[in-house]
Amino acid sequence: MAVPRRQDLVPLAEATKTWFRVSLQTFGGPAGQIAVMHRFLVDEQKWLGEGRFLHALNYCMLLPGPEAQQLAIYTGWLLNGTLGGLIAGVLFVVPGVLAMLALSAGYVEFGETSFVVALFAGVSPAVLAIVIQAVIRVGRRALHNAALVAFAVAAFAALAVFGVPFPVVVLAAGIAGWLMSRIDPRSLGRAPAKDSSDTGERALVDDEAFHAAQPSLRRALVILGIGLPMWLVPTVAAAALAGTHSVYARQGLFFSGTAVVTFGGAYAVLSFVAERAVNSYHWLLPGEMARGLALAESTPGPLIMVVQFVAFLGAYRDPGALPPWAAGLVASLLTTWVTFVPCFVFVFLGAPYVEQMRRNASLSAALTGITAAVVGVIANLGVFFGVHTLFEDSAERTWGPVQLLVPEAASLRWEAVGITAIALLLMLRVGWGPLRTLGVCALLGLGLAVIP
């Protein structure tokens, strides 16, 4: 007797209800989001076993983009096929999209008021502490030996000292990891992953009952034929209607490109986005990137949702023929679209090949190199935020190939240093999460504002 398909045993309506509940609790970055999905899917509903959940997560870690949302798409596909993946992925981001849209609008309307300035005086140092915690957390997991530490140091130097573009750093790290594994398979200190079926608690139904699709060229072409136009046509339409030099066309192209190089999660790519948005396109002021990340930390959904804030502000200040509010809305939704649509394409396209990819030692080595380099990338983000949060003034200094962001020592903000130290203490010693820490630091900022 054939094993029934898992999507028949989990009604779509029940799965949709669960994904909606998940979407309202996805605070705290990818670690928190993955933990929420694990609690719902593995511990409570028992729709997936531990091994199958980790199997899906490992695949999503190979992809550019927000791994937590991709994990939702992939597990939704396992449970209910393509429609299930679409529902899971869309619901995962909708609450965050709506919240960031409201917060972005509120920022441009009230961002210069004394209340909001005081609020961000406390929140921005908390964001710096969150980034520092991310460096420590990812470093402990990724840097197992001296070779991997060297990857991280080299990535940091390439970005912070020599100004090497972020995609080049990611590509070089992957190639270097692959080469080192070919020269000495033990140099990276990581063995090929075991099959997911070897570990963990089993689900209520055998793995064979999950949704499956036979990999084929025809299937891949169908997905690309539908997915690529959906991804790119809105940007083409924006360029045709508003002009190729409009803020909408530039944002659509920039964030479409960002979507395919965002290995390592939101923290890793934000240094790349911050540098281009602030220094190249002038969509934001330096301190506003930290404020946008603070807003993203306080809303459900992926942290990469901060790009919605970037797009809203950039278009609001350079609206072209549209009213500023309409420009911000259009740019915000366009950027959200080109950021998250590729996630569906990547997951649906690669899902049938997951088992082959998981057993591929060369691909695993390349990912190890990229993961180690990501530590240096996040550290560079910490330096960027730290300089603009802890100092009033800074300047770019160039000595030949060396490019450094140098703060003015006399402009040190001692109150920001104190709040950063408190945030680090709360997270690293007390064990508080980002949202709770942000709330306390916001109150500290407001408290300092009323002290004469």
Protein backbone atom coordinates (compact mmCIF):
# COMPACT_ATOMS: atom_id res chain seq x y z
CA MET A 1 0.00 0.00 0.00
CA ALA A 2 1.44 3.39 -0.99
CA VAL A 3 2.33 5.85 1.72
CA PRO A 4 -0.06 8.83 1.53
CA ARG A 5 1.37 12.18 0.55
CA ARG A 6 2.14 14.40 3.54
CA GLN A 7 0.27 17.34 2.03
CA ASP A 8 -2.90 15.21 2.16
CA LEU A 9 -2.36 14.54 5.88
CA VAL A 10 -1.74 18.21 6.72
CA PRO A 11 -4.75 20.13 5.38
CA LEU A 12 -3.73 23.32 3.63
CA ALA A 13 -6.04 25.38 5.84
CA GLU A 14 -4.40 23.99 8.99
CA ALA A 15 -0.92 24.58 7.58
CA THR A 16 -1.87 28.16 6.60
CA LYS A 17 -3.13 28.85 10.10
CA THR A 18 0.16 27.60 11.55
CA TRP A 19 2.25 29.70 9.16
CA PHE A 20 0.22 32.76 10.14
CA ARG A 21 0.96 32.08 13.81
CA VAL A 22 4.65 31.65 12.97
CA SER A 23 4.70 34.94 11.05
CA LEU A 24 3.57 36.92 14.11
CA GLN A 25 6.41 35.61 16.29
CA THR A 26 9.44 35.91 14.00
CA PHE A 27 11.38 38.45 16.05
CA GLY A 28 15.07 38.32 16.92
CA GLY A 29 16.76 37.73 13.58
CA PRO A 30 17.31 34.41 11.81
CA ALA A 31 18.26 32.51 14.96
CA GLY A 32 14.99 33.45 16.65
CA GLN A 33 12.95 32.83 13.50
CA ILE A 34 14.41 29.37 12.97
CA ALA A 35 13.76 28.56 16.64
CA VAL A 36 10.10 29.60 16.25
CA MET A 37 9.65 27.37 13.19
CA HIS A 38 11.38 24.49 14.97
CA ARG A 39 9.01 24.83 17.94
CA PHE A 40 5.89 24.87 15.74
CA LEU A 41 6.86 22.31 13.08
CA VAL A 42 9.00 19.83 15.04
CA ASP A 43 8.09 20.11 18.72
CA GLU A 44 4.37 20.97 18.67
CA GLN A 45 2.87 19.79 15.39
CA LYS A 46 5.52 17.11 14.76
CA TRP A 47 5.05 17.56 11.02
CA LEU A 48 8.82 17.26 10.50
CA GLY A 49 11.45 15.26 12.34
CA GLU A 50 14.60 16.88 13.70
CA GLY A 51 16.77 15.42 10.96
CA ARG A 52 14.48 16.51 8.15
CA PHE A 53 14.25 20.03 9.58
CA LEU A 54 18.06 20.32 9.75
CA HIS A 55 18.29 18.88 6.25
CA ALA A 56 16.11 21.71 4.94
CA LEU A 57 18.01 24.32 6.96
CA ASN A 58 21.38 23.20 5.62
CA TYR A 59 20.12 23.57 2.07
CA CYS A 60 18.80 27.07 2.74
CA MET A 61 22.16 28.07 4.21
CA LEU A 62 23.69 27.42 0.78
CA LEU A 63 21.47 30.03 -0.86
CA PRO A 64 21.75 33.80 -1.05
CA GLY A 65 19.01 35.64 0.75
CA PRO A 66 17.28 35.33 4.16
CA GLU A 67 17.70 31.70 5.17
CA ALA A 68 14.78 31.74 7.63
CA GLN A 69 12.27 32.79 4.97
CA GLN A 70 13.74 30.25 2.56
CA LEU A 71 13.37 27.59 5.25
CA ALA A 72 9.69 28.53 5.54
CA ILE A 73 9.27 28.22 1.75
CA TYR A 74 11.05 24.90 1.65
CA THR A 75 9.19 23.31 4.57
CA GLY A 76 5.92 24.69 3.22
CA TRP A 77 6.76 22.99 -0.10
CA LEU A 78 7.51 19.72 1.70
CA LEU A 79 4.16 19.77 3.46
CA ASN A 80 1.81 21.09 0.77
CA GLY A 81 3.69 21.41 -2.50
CA THR A 82 4.18 24.61 -4.48
CA LEU A 83 1.07 26.30 -3.08
CA GLY A 84 2.18 25.48 0.44
CA GLY A 85 5.60 26.98 -0.22
CA LEU A 86 4.07 30.15 -1.63
CA ILE A 87 1.74 30.56 1.34
CA ALA A 88 4.48 29.93 3.91
CA GLY A 89 6.93 32.31 2.24
CA VAL A 90 4.41 35.12 1.73
CA LEU A 91 2.98 34.94 5.23
CA PHE A 92 6.49 34.93 6.67
CA VAL A 93 7.19 38.44 5.35
CA VAL A 94 3.77 40.16 5.22
CA PRO A 95 3.63 41.31 8.89
CA GLY A 96 7.16 42.73 8.64
CA VAL A 97 6.40 44.49 5.35
CA LEU A 98 3.36 46.24 6.81
CA ALA A 99 5.15 47.13 10.04
CA MET A 100 8.24 48.53 8.28
CA LEU A 101 6.06 50.53 5.90
CA ALA A 102 4.31 52.17 8.84
CA LEU A 103 7.57 52.76 10.72
CA SER A 104 9.29 54.22 7.66
CA ALA A 105 6.41 56.63 7.13
CA GLY A 106 6.48 57.57 10.78
CA TYR A 107 10.22 58.17 10.63
CA VAL A 108 10.09 60.64 7.73
CA GLU A 109 7.20 62.47 9.44
CA PHE A 110 8.50 62.55 13.02
CA GLY A 111 12.15 61.52 12.74
CA GLU A 112 13.51 64.95 13.56
CA THR A 113 11.34 65.54 16.63
CA SER A 114 13.10 65.64 19.99
CA PHE A 115 11.23 62.52 21.14
CA VAL A 116 12.36 60.41 18.17
CA VAL A 117 15.92 61.78 18.33
CA ALA A 118 16.11 60.77 22.01
CA LEU A 119 14.59 57.38 21.22
CA PHE A 120 17.22 56.61 18.59
CA ALA A 121 19.98 57.91 20.88
CA GLY A 122 19.25 54.83 22.95
CA VAL A 123 18.32 52.41 20.18
CA SER A 124 21.36 52.96 17.92
CA PRO A 125 23.91 51.83 20.57
CA ALA A 126 21.72 48.75 21.16
CA VAL A 127 21.98 47.93 17.44
CA LEU A 128 25.76 48.17 17.70
CA ALA A 129 25.66 45.71 20.60
CA ILE A 130 23.43 43.36 18.57
CA VAL A 131 25.97 43.37 15.73
CA ILE A 132 28.82 42.70 18.18
CA GLN A 133 26.85 39.78 19.59
CA ALA A 134 26.35 38.46 16.05
CA VAL A 135 30.11 38.54 15.43
CA ILE A 136 30.72 36.56 18.62
CA ARG A 137 27.92 34.07 17.97
CA VAL A 138 28.78 33.38 14.34
CA GLY A 139 32.51 33.34 15.12
CA ARG A 140 32.13 30.64 17.76
CA ARG A 141 30.19 28.48 15.32
CA ALA A 142 32.25 29.10 12.21
CA LEU A 143 35.90 29.61 13.21
CA HIS A 144 37.05 26.16 14.26
CA ASN A 145 40.75 26.53 13.43
CA ALA A 146 43.48 28.97 12.39
CA ALA A 147 42.71 28.64 8.68
CA LEU A 148 39.11 29.74 9.17
CA VAL A 149 40.18 32.60 11.44
CA ALA A 150 42.47 33.73 8.60
CA PHE A 151 39.45 33.70 6.24
CA ALA A 152 37.57 36.03 8.60
CA VAL A 153 40.54 38.38 9.09
CA ALA A 154 41.18 38.53 5.34
CA ALA A 155 37.50 39.32 4.61
CA PHE A 156 37.50 42.09 7.22
CA ALA A 157 40.70 43.63 5.85
CA ALA A 158 39.47 43.39 2.25
CA LEU A 159 36.30 45.31 3.11
CA ALA A 160 37.41 47.71 5.85
CA VAL A 161 40.93 48.52 4.65
CA PHE A 162 41.10 47.97 0.90
CA GLY A 163 37.50 48.61 -0.13
CA VAL A 164 37.06 45.32 -2.02
CA PRO A 165 33.40 44.90 -3.16
CA PHE A 166 31.33 42.55 -1.03
CA PRO A 167 30.40 40.08 -3.83
CA VAL A 168 34.10 39.68 -4.69
CA VAL A 169 34.88 38.83 -1.06
CA VAL A 170 32.12 36.19 -0.98
CA LEU A 171 33.22 34.65 -4.29
CA ALA A 172 36.90 34.60 -3.28
CA ALA A 173 36.08 32.95 0.05
CA GLY A 174 34.09 30.21 -1.66
CA ILE A 175 36.83 29.52 -4.20
CA ALA A 176 39.51 29.54 -1.49
CA GLY A 177 37.51 27.10 0.62
CA TRP A 178 37.12 24.75 -2.32
CA LEU A 179 40.83 24.94 -3.18
CA MET A 180 41.92 24.27 0.40
CA SER A 181 39.68 21.21 0.58
CA ARG A 182 41.27 19.89 -2.62
CA ILE A 183 44.80 20.47 -1.34
CA ASP A 184 44.17 19.22 2.22
CA PRO A 185 40.65 17.92 3.03
CA ARG A 186 41.34 18.32 6.76
CA SER A 187 42.44 21.96 6.57
CA LEU A 188 38.96 23.38 7.09
CA GLY A 189 38.15 21.02 9.90
CA ARG A 190 34.74 19.97 8.58
CA ALA A 191 33.62 16.57 7.39
CA PRO A 192 30.78 16.08 4.90
CA ALA A 193 27.40 16.29 6.54
CA LYS A 194 25.59 13.08 7.37
CA ASP A 195 22.27 12.25 5.84
CA SER A 196 19.47 13.90 7.73
CA SER A 197 17.71 10.61 8.28
CA ASP A 198 20.54 9.46 10.53
CA THR A 199 19.73 11.88 13.34
CA GLY A 200 17.01 13.28 15.46
CA GLU A 201 13.36 12.60 16.23
CA ARG A 202 11.18 11.23 13.48
CA ALA A 203 8.03 12.97 12.33
CA LEU A 204 4.58 11.41 12.64
CA VAL A 205 4.77 10.29 9.01
CA ASP A 206 7.64 8.66 7.16
CA ASP A 207 9.92 10.96 5.12
CA GLU A 208 8.66 9.36 1.93
CA ALA A 209 5.26 10.99 2.51
CA PHE A 210 6.59 14.51 2.01
CA HIS A 211 6.04 16.36 -1.23
CA ALA A 212 8.63 15.50 -3.88
CA ALA A 213 9.38 16.46 -7.46
CA GLN A 214 11.56 14.70 -9.98
CA PRO A 215 14.44 16.96 -11.06
CA SER A 216 14.39 17.66 -14.77
CA LEU A 217 15.41 20.29 -17.29
CA ARG A 218 11.77 20.86 -18.23
CA ARG A 219 10.80 21.58 -14.62
CA ALA A 220 13.73 23.97 -14.20
CA LEU A 221 12.82 25.85 -17.38
CA VAL A 222 9.20 26.21 -16.27
CA ILE A 223 10.25 27.67 -12.92
CA LEU A 224 12.71 30.06 -14.54
CA GLY A 225 10.20 30.98 -17.24
CA ILE A 226 7.69 32.03 -14.58
CA GLY A 227 10.01 33.23 -11.82
CA LEU A 228 12.48 35.42 -13.72
CA PRO A 229 9.82 37.63 -15.40
CA MET A 230 7.97 37.99 -12.09
CA TRP A 231 11.21 39.04 -10.45
CA LEU A 232 12.49 41.47 -13.10
CA VAL A 233 9.44 42.91 -14.90
CA PRO A 234 8.50 45.39 -12.12
CA THR A 235 11.96 46.98 -12.32
CA VAL A 236 11.78 47.13 -16.12
CA ALA A 237 8.33 48.74 -15.85
CA ALA A 238 9.66 51.29 -13.34
CA ALA A 239 12.53 52.18 -15.67
CA ALA A 240 10.15 52.53 -18.64
CA LEU A 241 7.66 54.71 -16.77
CA ALA A 242 9.96 56.84 -14.61
CA GLY A 243 13.22 56.70 -16.58
CA THR A 244 16.35 54.60 -16.30
CA HIS A 245 17.99 57.17 -14.02
CA SER A 246 15.03 57.39 -11.64
CA VAL A 247 15.40 56.32 -8.04
CA TYR A 248 12.94 53.46 -8.70
CA ALA A 249 15.01 51.96 -11.52
CA ARG A 250 18.25 52.33 -9.55
CA GLN A 251 16.76 50.76 -6.44
CA GLY A 252 15.16 47.95 -8.41
CA LEU A 253 18.45 47.10 -10.12
CA PHE A 254 20.55 47.49 -6.97
CA PHE A 255 18.37 45.35 -4.72
CA SER A 256 17.81 42.76 -7.47
CA GLY A 257 21.59 42.38 -7.60
CA THR A 258 21.84 42.33 -3.82
CA ALA A 259 19.35 39.44 -3.71
CA VAL A 260 21.80 37.12 -5.46
CA VAL A 261 24.89 37.95 -3.35
CA THR A 262 23.42 38.02 0.16
CA PHE A 263 25.24 34.95 1.47
CA GLY A 264 25.56 34.84 5.23
CA GLY A 265 22.31 36.49 6.22
CA ALA A 266 21.22 40.07 6.76
CA TYR A 267 24.08 41.16 9.02
CA ALA A 268 26.65 40.14 6.44
CA VAL A 269 25.10 42.00 3.52
CA LEU A 270 24.17 45.14 5.44
CA SER A 271 27.72 46.47 5.30
CA PHE A 272 27.49 46.29 1.51
CA VAL A 273 24.02 47.88 1.43
CA ALA A 274 25.00 50.56 3.95
CA GLU A 275 28.11 51.58 2.04
CA ARG A 276 26.29 51.90 -1.29
CA ALA A 277 23.09 53.46 0.09
CA VAL A 278 24.98 56.07 2.12
CA ASN A 279 28.11 56.82 0.08
CA SER A 280 27.20 55.98 -3.53
CA TYR A 281 23.48 56.66 -3.93
CA HIS A 282 23.01 59.05 -0.97
CA TRP A 283 19.62 57.58 -0.12
CA LEU A 284 20.43 57.77 3.60
CA LEU A 285 22.56 59.67 6.07
CA PRO A 286 25.21 57.52 7.84
CA GLY A 287 23.38 57.27 11.16
CA GLU A 288 20.08 56.38 9.51
CA MET A 289 21.24 52.91 8.49
CA ALA A 290 21.63 52.00 12.15
CA ARG A 291 18.17 53.46 12.83
CA GLY A 292 16.67 51.40 10.03
CA LEU A 293 18.24 48.24 11.42
CA ALA A 294 16.82 49.10 14.84
CA LEU A 295 13.35 49.34 13.31
CA ALA A 296 13.84 46.01 11.52
CA GLU A 297 14.96 44.39 14.79
CA SER A 298 11.72 45.53 16.45
CA THR A 299 9.38 44.06 13.81
CA PRO A 300 8.57 40.46 12.81
CA GLY A 301 10.15 39.02 9.69
CA PRO A 302 13.66 38.90 8.19
CA LEU A 303 16.14 41.60 9.20
CA ILE A 304 16.85 42.23 5.51
CA MET A 305 13.50 44.07 5.64
CA VAL A 306 15.67 47.08 6.48
CA VAL A 307 16.09 47.54 2.71
CA GLN A 308 12.45 48.60 2.66
CA PHE A 309 13.35 51.48 4.99
CA VAL A 310 16.31 52.39 2.76
CA ALA A 311 14.11 52.45 -0.34
CA PHE A 312 11.34 54.46 1.31
CA LEU A 313 13.69 57.21 2.49
CA GLY A 314 15.61 57.34 -0.78
CA ALA A 315 12.48 57.75 -2.89
CA TYR A 316 10.76 60.10 -0.44
CA ARG A 317 13.73 62.49 -0.76
CA ASP A 318 14.00 62.10 -4.55
CA PRO A 319 10.42 61.38 -5.67
CA GLY A 320 10.60 62.52 -9.28
CA ALA A 321 7.12 63.16 -10.65
CA LEU A 322 5.31 61.43 -7.79
CA PRO A 323 4.28 62.96 -4.45
CA PRO A 324 6.89 62.05 -1.79
CA TRP A 325 4.56 59.72 0.13
CA ALA A 326 3.52 57.87 -3.03
CA ALA A 327 7.17 57.64 -4.10
CA GLY A 328 8.15 56.10 -0.78
CA LEU A 329 5.32 53.57 -1.00
CA VAL A 330 6.16 52.55 -4.59
CA ALA A 331 9.89 52.23 -3.89
CA SER A 332 9.31 50.32 -0.67
CA LEU A 333 7.03 47.74 -2.30
CA LEU A 334 9.28 47.42 -5.38
CA THR A 335 12.34 46.78 -3.23
CA THR A 336 10.46 44.24 -1.12
CA TRP A 337 9.35 42.45 -4.30
CA VAL A 338 12.81 42.16 -5.88
CA THR A 339 14.33 41.11 -2.55
CA PHE A 340 12.00 38.22 -1.74
CA VAL A 341 10.73 36.88 -5.08
CA PRO A 342 14.19 35.36 -5.85
CA CYS A 343 13.90 33.29 -2.66
CA PHE A 344 10.95 31.39 -4.12
CA VAL A 345 12.81 30.84 -7.39
CA PHE A 346 15.93 29.52 -5.63
CA VAL A 347 14.03 27.13 -3.36
CA PHE A 348 11.62 25.74 -5.95
CA LEU A 349 14.42 25.37 -8.49
CA GLY A 350 16.86 23.59 -6.22
CA ALA A 351 14.64 21.54 -3.91
CA PRO A 352 14.78 18.30 -5.97
CA TYR A 353 18.59 18.42 -5.88
CA VAL A 354 18.86 18.88 -2.11
CA GLU A 355 20.14 15.38 -1.35
CA GLN A 356 22.81 15.60 -4.02
CA MET A 357 23.93 19.02 -2.78
CA ARG A 358 24.06 17.88 0.83
CA ARG A 359 26.47 15.07 0.00
CA ASN A 360 28.69 17.24 -2.20
CA ALA A 361 31.99 17.66 -0.32
CA SER A 362 33.28 20.40 -2.63
CA LEU A 363 30.16 22.51 -2.16
CA SER A 364 30.35 21.98 1.59
CA ALA A 365 33.95 23.24 1.59
CA ALA A 366 33.02 26.34 -0.40
CA LEU A 367 30.22 27.09 2.07
CA THR A 368 32.65 26.66 4.97
CA GLY A 369 34.95 29.27 3.46
CA ILE A 370 32.05 31.68 2.89
CA THR A 371 30.72 31.17 6.43
CA ALA A 372 34.14 31.97 7.91
CA ALA A 373 34.48 35.08 5.76
CA VAL A 374 31.03 36.20 6.89
CA VAL A 375 32.44 36.71 10.40
CA GLY A 376 34.81 39.32 8.99
CA VAL A 377 32.00 40.87 6.97
CA ILE A 378 29.81 41.25 10.06
CA ALA A 379 32.78 42.71 11.97
CA ASN A 380 33.13 45.31 9.22
CA LEU A 381 29.46 46.17 9.66
CA GLY A 382 30.14 46.60 13.38
CA VAL A 383 32.94 49.06 12.63
CA PHE A 384 30.70 51.03 10.28
CA PHE A 385 27.91 51.29 12.83
CA GLY A 386 30.31 51.82 15.71
CA VAL A 387 32.02 54.83 14.15
CA HIS A 388 28.73 56.54 13.28
CA THR A 389 27.06 55.65 16.59
CA LEU A 390 29.85 56.40 19.05
CA PHE A 391 31.31 59.49 17.34
CA GLU A 392 29.78 62.72 16.06
CA ASP A 393 32.30 63.17 13.24
CA SER A 394 34.35 60.87 11.02
CA ALA A 395 36.06 61.02 7.62
CA GLU A 396 37.37 58.68 4.92
CA ARG A 397 41.19 58.64 4.77
CA THR A 398 43.10 57.21 1.83
CA TRP A 399 46.75 56.13 1.71
CA GLY A 400 47.39 54.44 -1.62
CA PRO A 401 45.24 51.28 -1.74
CA VAL A 402 44.30 51.68 1.92
CA GLN A 403 40.91 53.29 2.67
CA LEU A 404 39.93 53.80 6.30
CA LEU A 405 36.97 55.39 8.03
CA VAL A 406 38.65 57.40 10.81
CA PRO A 407 36.58 58.92 13.67
CA GLU A 408 37.39 62.24 15.34
CA ALA A 409 38.45 61.28 18.86
CA ALA A 410 37.18 64.56 20.36
CA SER A 411 33.64 63.83 19.09
CA LEU A 412 33.19 60.65 21.17
CA ARG A 413 29.64 60.28 22.55
CA TRP A 414 30.12 59.01 26.08
CA GLU A 415 26.41 58.38 26.62
CA ALA A 416 26.38 56.10 23.53
CA VAL A 417 29.38 54.21 24.91
CA GLY A 418 27.54 53.68 28.19
CA ILE A 419 24.32 52.44 26.57
CA THR A 420 26.30 50.09 24.30
CA ALA A 421 28.04 48.61 27.34
CA ILE A 422 24.69 48.11 29.11
CA ALA A 423 23.21 46.45 25.98
CA LEU A 424 26.19 44.09 25.74
CA LEU A 425 25.84 43.21 29.42
CA LEU A 426 22.13 42.47 29.04
CA MET A 427 22.61 40.23 25.99
CA LEU A 428 25.92 38.52 26.69
CA ARG A 429 25.67 38.13 30.47
CA VAL A 430 21.99 38.27 31.37
CA GLY A 431 20.88 36.49 28.20
CA TRP A 432 18.25 38.93 27.00
CA GLY A 433 17.09 38.90 23.40
CA PRO A 434 17.38 41.80 20.93
CA LEU A 435 13.80 43.07 21.26
CA ARG A 436 13.87 43.33 25.04
CA THR A 437 17.30 44.96 24.97
CA LEU A 438 16.15 47.49 22.38
CA GLY A 439 13.23 48.45 24.59
CA VAL A 440 15.42 49.08 27.63
CA CYS A 441 17.96 51.07 25.63
CA ALA A 442 15.21 53.17 24.08
CA LEU A 443 14.02 54.06 27.59
CA LEU A 444 17.60 54.93 28.55
CA GLY A 445 17.83 57.27 25.57
CA LEU A 446 14.59 58.98 26.57
CA GLY A 447 15.76 59.19 30.16
CA LEU A 448 19.03 60.88 29.22
CA ALA A 449 17.11 63.42 27.13
CA VAL A 450 15.14 64.69 30.14
CA ILE A 451 18.17 64.93 32.45
CA PRO A 452 19.30 68.57 32.54
